C-alpha atoms as a PDB file:
ATOM      1  CA  UNK A   1     -49.682 -24.666  35.813  1.00  0.00           C
ATOM      2  CA  UNK A   2     -47.521 -27.904  35.791  1.00  0.00           C
ATOM      3  CA  UNK A   3     -48.068 -30.639  34.252  1.00  0.00           C
ATOM      4  CA  UNK A   4     -44.799 -33.307  35.189  1.00  0.00           C
ATOM      5  CA  UNK A   5     -42.727 -31.076  36.315  1.00  0.00           C
ATOM      6  CA  UNK A   6     -42.868 -28.682  33.245  1.00  0.00           C
ATOM      7  CA  UNK A   7     -44.370 -25.360  33.345  1.00  0.00           C
ATOM      8  CA  UNK A   8     -47.277 -24.058  30.703  1.00  0.00           C
ATOM      9  CA  UNK A   9     -50.321 -21.372  30.368  1.00  0.00           C
ATOM     10  CA  UNK A  10     -53.562 -21.473  30.569  1.00  0.00           C
ATOM     11  CA  UNK A  11     -56.132 -17.967  29.707  1.00  0.00           C
ATOM     12  CA  UNK A  12     -59.835 -18.240  30.872  1.00  0.00           C
ATOM     13  CA  UNK A  13     -62.409 -15.651  29.804  1.00  0.00           C
ATOM     14  CA  UNK A  14     -65.984 -15.066  30.822  1.00  0.00           C
ATOM     15  CA  UNK A  15     -67.010 -14.641  34.560  1.00  0.00           C
ATOM     16  CA  UNK A  16     -67.489 -17.017  36.768  1.00  0.00           C
ATOM     17  CA  UNK A  17     -71.512 -16.763  37.870  1.00  0.00           C
ATOM     18  CA  UNK A  18     -72.437 -20.079  37.860  1.00  0.00           C
ATOM     19  CA  UNK A  19     -72.450 -20.386  33.602  1.00  0.00           C
ATOM     20  CA  UNK A  20     -70.807 -23.754  32.068  1.00  0.00           C
ATOM     21  CA  UNK A  21     -66.850 -23.369  31.971  1.00  0.00           C
ATOM     22  CA  UNK A  22     -65.962 -25.507  29.000  1.00  0.00           C
ATOM     23  CA  UNK A  23     -61.903 -26.533  29.488  1.00  0.00           C
ATOM     24  CA  UNK A  24     -60.915 -25.808  25.672  1.00  0.00           C
ATOM     25  CA  UNK A  25     -58.059 -28.159  24.270  1.00  0.00           C
ATOM     26  CA  UNK A  26     -56.023 -27.196  21.331  1.00  0.00           C
ATOM     27  CA  UNK A  27     -54.806 -29.946  18.714  1.00  0.00           C
ATOM     28  CA  UNK A  28     -51.007 -31.524  17.166  1.00  0.00           C
ATOM     29  CA  UNK A  29     -50.404 -28.639  14.876  1.00  0.00           C
ATOM     30  CA  UNK A  30     -51.379 -24.962  16.617  1.00  0.00           C
ATOM     31  CA  UNK A  31     -51.456 -23.225  20.339  1.00  0.00           C
ATOM     32  CA  UNK A  32     -54.438 -22.108  22.317  1.00  0.00           C
ATOM     33  CA  UNK A  33     -54.008 -18.505  21.620  1.00  0.00           C
ATOM     34  CA  UNK A  34     -54.097 -19.761  17.188  1.00  0.00           C
ATOM     35  CA  UNK A  35     -56.986 -17.807  15.452  1.00  0.00           C
ATOM     36  CA  UNK A  36     -59.215 -20.967  15.425  1.00  0.00           C
ATOM     37  CA  UNK A  37     -58.799 -21.005  19.258  1.00  0.00           C
ATOM     38  CA  UNK A  38     -59.414 -17.980  19.746  1.00  0.00           C
ATOM     39  CA  UNK A  39     -62.275 -17.659  17.156  1.00  0.00           C
ATOM     40  CA  UNK A  40     -63.803 -20.240  19.319  1.00  0.00           C
ATOM     41  CA  UNK A  41     -63.608 -18.863  22.818  1.00  0.00           C
ATOM     42  CA  UNK A  42     -64.565 -15.234  21.820  1.00  0.00           C
ATOM     43  CA  UNK A  43     -67.955 -16.579  20.179  1.00  0.00           C
ATOM     44  CA  UNK A  44     -68.471 -19.142  23.410  1.00  0.00           C
ATOM     45  CA  UNK A  45     -68.347 -16.198  25.450  1.00  0.00           C
ATOM     46  CA  UNK A  46     -70.543 -13.816  23.655  1.00  0.00           C
ATOM     47  CA  UNK A  47     -72.825 -16.846  23.428  1.00  0.00           C
ATOM     48  CA  UNK A  48     -72.887 -17.138  27.620  1.00  0.00           C
ATOM     49  CA  UNK A  49     -70.118 -19.605  28.297  1.00  0.00           C
ATOM     50  CA  UNK A  50     -66.930 -19.369  30.473  1.00  0.00           C
ATOM     51  CA  UNK A  51     -64.072 -20.654  28.502  1.00  0.00           C
ATOM     52  CA  UNK A  52     -60.820 -21.464  29.703  1.00  0.00           C
ATOM     53  CA  UNK A  53     -58.073 -22.806  27.039  1.00  0.00           C
ATOM     54  CA  UNK A  54     -54.733 -24.760  28.548  1.00  0.00           C
ATOM     55  CA  UNK A  55     -51.408 -25.529  26.419  1.00  0.00           C
ATOM     56  CA  UNK A  56     -49.845 -28.496  26.233  1.00  0.00           C
ATOM     57  CA  UNK A  57     -45.863 -29.322  27.810  1.00  0.00           C
ATOM     58  CA  UNK A  58     -45.222 -29.548  24.293  1.00  0.00           C
ATOM     59  CA  UNK A  59     -46.670 -26.468  22.283  1.00  0.00           C
ATOM     60  CA  UNK A  60     -45.691 -24.603  24.858  1.00  0.00           C
ATOM     61  CA  UNK A  61     -41.231 -25.933  24.672  1.00  0.00           C
ATOM     62  CA  UNK A  62     -42.142 -25.312  20.888  1.00  0.00           C
ATOM     63  CA  UNK A  63     -43.487 -21.559  21.630  1.00  0.00           C
ATOM     64  CA  UNK A  64     -40.290 -21.115  23.784  1.00  0.00           C
ATOM     65  CA  UNK A  65     -37.612 -22.257  22.065  1.00  0.00           C
ATOM     66  CA  UNK A  66     -39.405 -21.121  18.560  1.00  0.00           C
ATOM     67  CA  UNK A  67     -38.589 -25.435  17.780  1.00  0.00           C
ATOM     68  CA  UNK A  68     -41.312 -27.520  16.549  1.00  0.00           C
ATOM     69  CA  UNK A  69     -42.308 -30.309  18.560  1.00  0.00           C
ATOM     70  CA  UNK A  70     -43.981 -33.320  18.342  1.00  0.00           C
ATOM     71  CA  UNK A  71     -47.240 -34.051  20.589  1.00  0.00           C
ATOM     72  CA  UNK A  72     -46.470 -35.543  24.134  1.00  0.00           C
ATOM     73  CA  UNK A  73     -47.341 -39.072  24.606  1.00  0.00           C
ATOM     74  CA  UNK A  74     -50.997 -39.829  26.201  1.00  0.00           C
ATOM     75  CA  UNK A  75     -50.489 -39.796  30.079  1.00  0.00           C
ATOM     76  CA  UNK A  76     -48.724 -36.326  29.549  1.00  0.00           C
ATOM     77  CA  UNK A  77     -51.082 -34.976  27.695  1.00  0.00           C
ATOM     78  CA  UNK A  78     -53.906 -36.740  29.747  1.00  0.00           C
ATOM     79  CA  UNK A  79     -51.854 -35.750  32.979  1.00  0.00           C
ATOM     80  CA  UNK A  80     -52.350 -31.988  31.705  1.00  0.00           C
ATOM     81  CA  UNK A  81     -56.051 -32.443  30.833  1.00  0.00           C
ATOM     82  CA  UNK A  82     -55.987 -33.239  34.693  1.00  0.00           C
ATOM     83  CA  UNK A  83     -54.232 -30.729  35.899  1.00  0.00           C
ATOM     84  CA  UNK A  84     -57.006 -28.122  33.942  1.00  0.00           C
ATOM     85  CA  UNK A  85     -59.392 -30.048  35.306  1.00  0.00           C
ATOM     86  CA  UNK A  86     -58.248 -29.978  39.224  1.00  0.00           C
ATOM     87  CA  UNK A  87     -57.094 -25.938  38.961  1.00  0.00           C
ATOM     88  CA  UNK A  88     -61.269 -25.640  37.169  1.00  0.00           C
ATOM     89  CA  UNK A  89     -62.986 -27.390  40.381  1.00  0.00           C
ATOM     90  CA  UNK A  90     -60.958 -25.092  42.184  1.00  0.00           C
ATOM     91  CA  UNK A  91     -62.657 -21.653  41.054  1.00  0.00           C
ATOM     92  CA  UNK A  92     -65.090 -19.646  43.147  1.00  0.00           C
ATOM     93  CA  UNK A  93     -68.238 -19.346  41.381  1.00  0.00           C
ATOM     94  CA  UNK A  94     -67.231 -21.672  38.447  1.00  0.00           C
ATOM     95  CA  UNK A  95     -70.221 -23.875  37.260  1.00  0.00           C
ATOM     96  CA  UNK A  96     -70.682 -27.092  35.757  1.00  0.00           C
ATOM     97  CA  UNK A  97     -67.849 -28.402  33.562  1.00  0.00           C
ATOM     98  CA  UNK A  98     -67.629 -29.444  29.393  1.00  0.00           C
ATOM     99  CA  UNK A  99     -64.927 -30.873  27.874  1.00  0.00           C
ATOM    100  CA  UNK A 100     -63.727 -29.626  24.346  1.00  0.00           C
ATOM    101  CA  UNK A 101     -60.710 -30.019  22.293  1.00  0.00           C
ATOM    102  CA  UNK A 102     -60.068 -29.116  18.604  1.00  0.00           C
ATOM    103  CA  UNK A 103     -58.468 -32.747  16.800  1.00  0.00           C
ATOM    104  CA  UNK A 104     -56.093 -33.912  19.074  1.00  0.00           C
ATOM    105  CA  UNK A 105     -57.173 -31.918  21.796  1.00  0.00           C
ATOM    106  CA  UNK A 106     -60.904 -33.114  21.387  1.00  0.00           C
ATOM    107  CA  UNK A 107     -59.552 -37.321  21.494  1.00  0.00           C
ATOM    108  CA  UNK A 108     -57.607 -36.800  24.452  1.00  0.00           C
ATOM    109  CA  UNK A 109     -60.526 -34.923  26.057  1.00  0.00           C
ATOM    110  CA  UNK A 110     -62.551 -38.533  24.893  1.00  0.00           C
ATOM    111  CA  UNK A 111     -59.777 -40.597  26.719  1.00  0.00           C
ATOM    112  CA  UNK A 112     -59.631 -38.682  30.209  1.00  0.00           C
ATOM    113  CA  UNK A 113     -64.109 -39.398  29.998  1.00  0.00           C
ATOM    114  CA  UNK A 114     -63.921 -43.197  28.913  1.00  0.00           C
ATOM    115  CA  UNK A 115     -61.291 -43.619  32.051  1.00  0.00           C
ATOM    116  CA  UNK A 116     -63.710 -41.801  34.211  1.00  0.00           C
ATOM    117  CA  UNK A 117     -61.046 -39.109  35.215  1.00  0.00           C
ATOM    118  CA  UNK A 118     -63.339 -36.343  34.995  1.00  0.00           C
ATOM    119  CA  UNK A 119     -66.718 -37.816  36.535  1.00  0.00           C
ATOM    120  CA  UNK A 120     -67.829 -33.789  37.493  1.00  0.00           C
ATOM    121  CA  UNK A 121     -68.549 -33.289  33.839  1.00  0.00           C
ATOM    122  CA  UNK A 122     -71.713 -32.659  31.962  1.00  0.00           C
ATOM    123  CA  UNK A 123     -71.128 -32.670  28.242  1.00  0.00           C
ATOM    124  CA  UNK A 124     -68.114 -32.757  25.498  1.00  0.00           C
ATOM    125  CA  UNK A 125     -67.804 -31.332  23.160  1.00  0.00           C
ATOM    126  CA  UNK A 126     -65.494 -32.431  20.272  1.00  0.00           C
ATOM    127  CA  UNK A 127     -64.433 -29.644  17.223  1.00  0.00           C
ATOM    128  CA  UNK A 128     -62.629 -32.073  14.279  1.00  0.00           C
ATOM    129  CA  UNK A 129     -62.302 -35.383  15.869  1.00  0.00           C
ATOM    130  CA  UNK A 130     -59.632 -37.568  13.886  1.00  0.00           C
ATOM    131  CA  UNK A 131     -61.547 -40.285  13.843  1.00  0.00           C
ATOM    132  CA  UNK A 132     -58.184 -41.580  11.817  1.00  0.00           C
ATOM    133  CA  UNK A 133     -55.016 -41.064  10.038  1.00  0.00           C
ATOM    134  CA  UNK A 134     -55.672 -39.193   6.547  1.00  0.00           C
ATOM    135  CA  UNK A 135     -55.507 -41.502   3.772  1.00  0.00           C
ATOM    136  CA  UNK A 136     -56.415 -44.650   6.399  1.00  0.00           C
ATOM    137  CA  UNK A 137     -60.222 -44.730   7.127  1.00  0.00           C
ATOM    138  CA  UNK A 138     -60.870 -46.948  10.143  1.00  0.00           C
ATOM    139  CA  UNK A 139     -62.700 -45.885  13.634  1.00  0.00           C
ATOM    140  CA  UNK A 140     -61.205 -47.898  15.958  1.00  0.00           C
ATOM    141  CA  UNK A 141     -60.096 -44.047  17.696  1.00  0.00           C
ATOM    142  CA  UNK A 142     -63.496 -44.659  18.361  1.00  0.00           C
ATOM    143  CA  UNK A 143     -63.742 -47.706  20.051  1.00  0.00           C
ATOM    144  CA  UNK A 144     -63.582 -45.835  23.404  1.00  0.00           C
ATOM    145  CA  UNK A 145     -65.905 -43.740  22.746  1.00  0.00           C
ATOM    146  CA  UNK A 146     -69.273 -46.409  24.445  1.00  0.00           C
ATOM    147  CA  UNK A 147     -67.243 -46.069  27.978  1.00  0.00           C
ATOM    148  CA  UNK A 148     -68.061 -42.001  27.480  1.00  0.00           C
ATOM    149  CA  UNK A 149     -70.967 -41.293  30.084  1.00  0.00           C
ATOM    150  CA  UNK A 150     -72.367 -38.023  29.321  1.00  0.00           C
ATOM    151  CA  UNK A 151     -73.350 -36.842  25.980  1.00  0.00           C
ATOM    152  CA  UNK A 152     -70.831 -35.920  23.080  1.00  0.00           C
ATOM    153  CA  UNK A 153     -71.232 -33.267  20.073  1.00  0.00           C
ATOM    154  CA  UNK A 154     -69.071 -33.707  16.986  1.00  0.00           C
ATOM    155  CA  UNK A 155     -68.430 -30.638  15.331  1.00  0.00           C
ATOM    156  CA  UNK A 156     -67.386 -32.159  11.412  1.00  0.00           C
ATOM    157  CA  UNK A 157     -66.114 -31.055   8.334  1.00  0.00           C
ATOM    158  CA  UNK A 158     -67.733 -33.475   5.403  1.00  0.00           C
ATOM    159  CA  UNK A 159     -65.087 -33.048   3.684  1.00  0.00           C
ATOM    160  CA  UNK A 160     -62.365 -33.907   6.456  1.00  0.00           C
ATOM    161  CA  UNK A 161     -59.736 -36.065   5.567  1.00  0.00           C
ATOM    162  CA  UNK A 162     -59.349 -36.970   9.484  1.00  0.00           C
ATOM    163  CA  UNK A 163     -62.979 -37.937   9.505  1.00  0.00           C
ATOM    164  CA  UNK A 164     -64.809 -39.761   7.031  1.00  0.00           C
ATOM    165  CA  UNK A 165     -68.023 -38.519   6.715  1.00  0.00           C
ATOM    166  CA  UNK A 166     -69.986 -41.950   6.274  1.00  0.00           C
ATOM    167  CA  UNK A 167     -67.432 -43.582   9.735  1.00  0.00           C
ATOM    168  CA  UNK A 168     -68.393 -40.776  11.797  1.00  0.00           C
ATOM    169  CA  UNK A 169     -72.100 -41.203  10.598  1.00  0.00           C
ATOM    170  CA  UNK A 170     -71.606 -44.809  12.242  1.00  0.00           C
ATOM    171  CA  UNK A 171     -69.873 -43.648  14.819  1.00  0.00           C
ATOM    172  CA  UNK A 172     -72.425 -40.893  16.315  1.00  0.00           C
ATOM    173  CA  UNK A 173     -75.066 -43.244  15.148  1.00  0.00           C
ATOM    174  CA  UNK A 174     -73.502 -46.072  17.383  1.00  0.00           C
ATOM    175  CA  UNK A 175     -73.411 -44.136  20.307  1.00  0.00           C
ATOM    176  CA  UNK A 176     -77.263 -43.108  20.628  1.00  0.00           C
ATOM    177  CA  UNK A 177     -78.670 -40.746  22.514  1.00  0.00           C
ATOM    178  CA  UNK A 178     -75.118 -40.191  23.593  1.00  0.00           C
ATOM    179  CA  UNK A 179     -73.596 -39.226  19.753  1.00  0.00           C
ATOM    180  CA  UNK A 180     -74.380 -35.960  18.271  1.00  0.00           C
ATOM    181  CA  UNK A 181     -73.295 -34.562  14.886  1.00  0.00           C
ATOM    182  CA  UNK A 182     -72.958 -30.915  13.577  1.00  0.00           C
ATOM    183  CA  UNK A 183     -72.167 -31.312   9.814  1.00  0.00           C
ATOM    184  CA  UNK A 184     -70.492 -28.601   8.367  1.00  0.00           C
ATOM    185  CA  UNK A 185     -70.920 -28.657   4.760  1.00  0.00           C
ATOM    186  CA  UNK A 186     -67.766 -28.059   2.586  1.00  0.00           C
ATOM    187  CA  UNK A 187     -65.846 -28.255   5.499  1.00  0.00           C
ATOM    188  CA  UNK A 188     -62.509 -28.654   5.970  1.00  0.00           C
ATOM    189  CA  UNK A 189     -60.580 -30.988   9.590  1.00  0.00           C
ATOM    190  CA  UNK A 190     -60.659 -27.383  10.808  1.00  0.00           C
ATOM    191  CA  UNK A 191     -63.929 -26.640   9.428  1.00  0.00           C
ATOM    192  CA  UNK A 192     -63.454 -23.880   6.756  1.00  0.00           C
ATOM    193  CA  UNK A 193     -64.951 -24.563   3.718  1.00  0.00           C
ATOM    194  CA  UNK A 194     -62.831 -22.505   1.833  1.00  0.00           C
ATOM    195  CA  UNK A 195     -59.111 -22.253   2.597  1.00  0.00           C
ATOM    196  CA  UNK A 196     -58.995 -18.418   2.371  1.00  0.00           C
ATOM    197  CA  UNK A 197     -61.439 -18.531   5.424  1.00  0.00           C
ATOM    198  CA  UNK A 198     -60.672 -17.230   8.355  1.00  0.00           C
ATOM    199  CA  UNK A 199     -62.390 -18.503  12.136  1.00  0.00           C
ATOM    200  CA  UNK A 200     -65.026 -17.107  12.317  1.00  0.00           C
ATOM    201  CA  UNK A 201     -66.479 -16.555  15.869  1.00  0.00           C
ATOM    202  CA  UNK A 202     -70.234 -16.150  14.604  1.00  0.00           C
ATOM    203  CA  UNK A 203     -69.755 -18.562  13.245  1.00  0.00           C
ATOM    204  CA  UNK A 204     -73.331 -20.668  13.015  1.00  0.00           C
ATOM    205  CA  UNK A 205     -71.513 -24.110  13.634  1.00  0.00           C
ATOM    206  CA  UNK A 206     -70.751 -22.355  16.867  1.00  0.00           C
ATOM    207  CA  UNK A 207     -74.325 -21.371  17.686  1.00  0.00           C
ATOM    208  CA  UNK A 208     -75.521 -25.352  17.579  1.00  0.00           C
ATOM    209  CA  UNK A 209     -72.572 -25.685  20.285  1.00  0.00           C
ATOM    210  CA  UNK A 210     -73.710 -23.411  22.366  1.00  0.00           C
ATOM    211  CA  UNK A 211     -77.316 -24.732  22.316  1.00  0.00           C
ATOM    212  CA  UNK A 212     -75.732 -27.995  23.184  1.00  0.00           C
ATOM    213  CA  UNK A 213     -73.565 -26.926  26.138  1.00  0.00           C
ATOM    214  CA  UNK A 214     -77.007 -24.123  27.361  1.00  0.00           C
ATOM    215  CA  UNK A 215     -78.945 -27.786  27.645  1.00  0.00           C
ATOM    216  CA  UNK A 216     -76.738 -30.158  29.109  1.00  0.00           C
ATOM    217  CA  UNK A 217     -74.377 -27.265  31.436  1.00  0.00           C
ATOM    218  CA  UNK A 218     -76.721 -24.985  32.117  1.00  0.00           C
ATOM    219  CA  UNK A 219     -77.506 -23.615  34.853  1.00  0.00           C
END
């Protein structure tokens, strides 16, 4: 896949037989094939979704060079989303689209939707939405969410340092019927309750994600 003249990668899992297609974007610190992303992908495929993961260009370059890089600026991140959307729309047998992401990937998905760049999307899933920087609580990053017209599911740990629980609760409540919150009690930014906890395709919160996808994007 080409983004602003740079090559990057994507992976698709699950059948293209009319079932919902979840486009899943990674965060700033780990690639699309990290243990977390792989577990989410496997869990949703097991629950009846088609899932496509994709790599932002900065992460692709970091993997190719072995040198950690800061995230691309927002225009390129959004361009990557648009490229993935265009590719998914061309797949024969693809079902309704759902935009999803982890942390930064979720935030960029929300901007794509708020700016009207995915009018065919049925819903959005935000895993660890980064409402604010660590130690700097605020909700300015949520200002655009009222412009998102599709249902939005926030999956967040109540111990997430990037989303103070009471602020995220208020944010989702302000969205009315378009905002839903699934709380992982004791969970951190990676939805883990313990530092030693490994990502699990059988995690119970993935049941809620799958039900949400089926409700709003099911055939």
